Amino acid sequence: MFGLLFFILFTPGASEFLCASSDLEMSYTFCDSTPHAFRFNLTPCSTMNKPVWKAALTWIPGNDITFLKIIFTAWYNGAKVLHWKEVLCSGADDEYAVCGMLKGETIATTFDIKGARMEFPKGNYRIILQGFSDESENNMVVCLDFTMIVKQDIF
């Protein structure tokens, strides 16, 4: 089944069902208390036989993005399976479109997510994506809490 994942968020704390197919369900909420203008598309809504998901992001940040550190944490059936940190923007020779954006400017970009590099076993996943505007991780600019339910094994 081919699906489309699309959402616009303006209010924190609201949980939203994103997409459903025969093998996948996804929903999200913001995990911080700041309102956001945010849009995200992801196709297809499936984990089966798809080497690349196509994503589009539109976001109006509430802070200047001169420095951006991303923390990605994932749990599978309640056990932490991934904790990854990466500085995407440091203010020098940055390669990402989001780097250098000013508060209130619209970020509009597309990218691929190579999800099929991993096989997702049947189960419940929780994915937290945090973005910080400082190295010390004190100034959060965005925090998304995704729930992903894989309904069938791909074997």
Protein backbone atom coordinates (compact mmCIF):
# COMPACT_ATOMS: atom_id res chain seq x y z
CA MET A 1 0.00 0.00 0.00
CA PHE A 2 1.32 3.43 -0.95
CA GLY A 3 0.60 6.14 1.60
CA LEU A 4 1.33 9.79 2.22
CA LEU A 5 2.38 11.23 5.55
CA PHE A 6 1.60 14.92 5.97
CA PHE A 7 1.14 17.16 8.96
CA ILE A 8 1.02 20.81 9.97
CA LEU A 9 1.56 21.57 13.63
CA PHE A 10 0.86 24.82 15.38
CA THR A 11 -0.08 23.75 18.91
CA PRO A 12 2.16 21.88 21.36
CA GLY A 13 0.87 18.81 23.14
CA ALA A 14 -1.58 17.77 20.42
CA SER A 15 -1.18 14.15 19.37
CA GLU A 16 -1.85 13.48 15.70
CA PHE A 17 -2.28 10.26 13.77
CA LEU A 18 0.00 10.55 10.72
CA CYS A 19 -0.47 7.55 8.49
CA ALA A 20 -1.53 3.94 8.29
CA SER A 21 -0.94 1.12 5.84
CA SER A 22 -1.11 -2.66 6.03
CA ASP A 23 2.33 -2.76 7.67
CA LEU A 24 2.85 0.62 9.40
CA GLU A 25 1.16 3.21 11.64
CA MET A 26 2.74 6.50 12.69
CA SER A 27 1.74 9.34 15.01
CA TYR A 28 3.54 12.25 16.67
CA THR A 29 3.42 14.97 19.26
CA PHE A 30 5.74 17.82 20.15
CA CYS A 31 7.56 17.12 23.41
CA ASP A 32 8.27 20.74 24.27
CA SER A 33 5.80 23.48 25.22
CA THR A 34 6.63 25.87 22.36
CA PRO A 35 4.15 26.35 19.48
CA HIS A 36 5.64 25.50 16.08
CA ALA A 37 4.77 26.08 12.43
CA PHE A 38 5.85 22.78 10.96
CA ARG A 39 4.99 20.61 7.93
CA PHE A 40 6.43 17.24 6.99
CA ASN A 41 5.63 14.86 4.11
CA LEU A 42 6.84 11.28 3.89
CA THR A 43 6.07 8.77 1.14
CA PRO A 44 5.32 5.94 1.15
CA CYS A 45 3.70 5.02 4.46
CA SER A 46 5.24 1.56 4.44
CA THR A 47 8.28 -0.33 5.68
CA MET A 48 8.01 -3.09 3.08
CA ASN A 49 10.31 -3.21 0.03
CA LYS A 50 10.99 0.54 0.01
CA PRO A 51 14.69 1.40 -0.21
CA VAL A 52 14.10 5.16 0.18
CA TRP A 53 11.40 7.31 1.75
CA LYS A 54 10.97 10.75 0.17
CA ALA A 55 10.61 13.53 2.72
CA ALA A 56 9.78 17.23 2.51
CA LEU A 57 10.11 19.61 5.43
CA THR A 58 8.76 23.12 5.92
CA TRP A 59 9.46 24.79 9.25
CA ILE A 60 9.51 28.34 10.62
CA PRO A 61 12.00 28.25 13.50
CA GLY A 62 11.48 30.32 16.62
CA ASN A 63 15.27 30.91 16.91
CA ASP A 64 18.16 31.72 14.59
CA ILE A 65 19.81 28.51 13.38
CA THR A 66 23.52 29.37 13.51
CA PHE A 67 24.28 26.29 15.61
CA LEU A 68 22.17 23.12 15.54
CA LYS A 69 22.82 19.89 17.39
CA ILE A 70 20.44 16.99 16.76
CA ILE A 71 19.86 14.14 19.22
CA PHE A 72 18.01 11.11 17.89
CA THR A 73 16.92 8.46 20.40
CA ALA A 74 14.91 5.34 19.51
CA TRP A 75 13.28 2.63 21.60
CA TYR A 76 11.99 -0.73 20.37
CA ASN A 77 9.37 -2.42 22.54
CA GLY A 78 10.53 -0.27 25.50
CA ALA A 79 14.30 -0.91 25.15
CA LYS A 80 16.64 1.88 23.98
CA VAL A 81 18.18 0.75 20.68
CA LEU A 82 19.77 3.94 19.36
CA HIS A 83 21.19 7.19 20.73
CA TRP A 84 22.85 9.39 18.13
CA LYS A 85 24.13 12.99 18.36
CA GLU A 86 25.29 15.12 15.47
CA VAL A 87 26.18 18.79 15.07
CA LEU A 88 24.49 19.80 11.80
CA CYS A 89 25.29 23.52 11.95
CA SER A 90 28.38 24.98 13.55
CA GLY A 91 28.53 28.37 11.82
CA ALA A 92 31.43 27.44 9.53
CA ASP A 93 31.23 25.54 6.22
CA ASP A 94 27.76 24.19 6.98
CA GLU A 95 26.29 21.93 4.30
CA TYR A 96 22.61 21.79 5.33
CA ALA A 97 19.91 24.16 4.05
CA VAL A 98 18.64 24.86 7.58
CA CYS A 99 22.00 26.30 8.70
CA GLY A 100 22.08 30.09 8.86
CA MET A 101 18.31 30.51 8.81
CA LEU A 102 16.96 33.37 10.90
CA LYS A 103 14.09 33.32 13.37
CA GLY A 104 10.82 33.59 11.40
CA GLU A 105 12.30 32.60 8.02
CA THR A 106 10.71 29.63 6.28
CA ILE A 107 12.86 26.54 5.81
CA ALA A 108 11.65 24.44 2.88
CA THR A 109 13.76 21.43 1.91
CA THR A 110 13.46 17.91 0.56
CA PHE A 111 15.60 14.88 1.37
CA ASP A 112 15.71 11.10 1.24
CA ILE A 113 15.49 8.83 4.27
CA LYS A 114 17.17 5.55 3.54
CA GLY A 115 14.96 3.48 5.86
CA ALA A 116 15.47 0.17 4.09
CA ARG A 117 19.09 0.07 5.26
CA MET A 118 17.50 -1.29 8.43
CA GLU A 119 14.85 -3.94 8.69
CA PHE A 120 12.20 -2.99 11.19
CA PRO A 121 10.96 -6.04 13.13
CA LYS A 122 7.31 -6.13 14.10
CA GLY A 123 6.73 -4.08 17.25
CA ASN A 124 6.36 -0.65 18.81
CA TYR A 125 8.94 2.09 18.29
CA ARG A 126 9.27 5.44 20.01
CA ILE A 127 11.56 7.99 18.38
CA ILE A 128 12.53 11.29 19.99
CA LEU A 129 14.17 13.92 17.79
CA GLN A 130 15.56 16.94 19.64
CA GLY A 131 17.28 20.01 18.20
CA PHE A 132 19.42 22.35 20.31
CA SER A 133 20.90 25.76 19.48
CA ASP A 134 23.89 25.24 21.78
CA GLU A 135 26.53 22.59 22.49
CA SER A 136 25.46 22.25 26.14
CA GLU A 137 21.96 21.06 25.10
CA ASN A 138 20.22 23.73 27.20
CA ASN A 139 18.43 25.68 24.44
CA MET A 140 15.99 23.35 22.67
CA VAL A 141 14.59 24.70 19.38
CA VAL A 142 12.45 21.68 18.48
CA CYS A 143 11.47 18.32 19.95
CA LEU A 144 9.34 15.71 18.20
CA ASP A 145 8.07 12.47 19.76
CA PHE A 146 7.11 9.87 17.11
CA THR A 147 5.32 6.57 17.66
CA MET A 148 5.79 3.95 14.96
CA ILE A 149 4.01 0.60 15.00
CA VAL A 150 5.32 -2.00 12.57
CA LYS A 151 2.46 -4.49 12.13
CA GLN A 152 4.25 -7.32 10.36
CA ASP A 153 7.73 -8.74 9.94
CA ILE A 154 9.26 -8.41 6.48
CA PHE A 155 10.53 -11.99 6.40
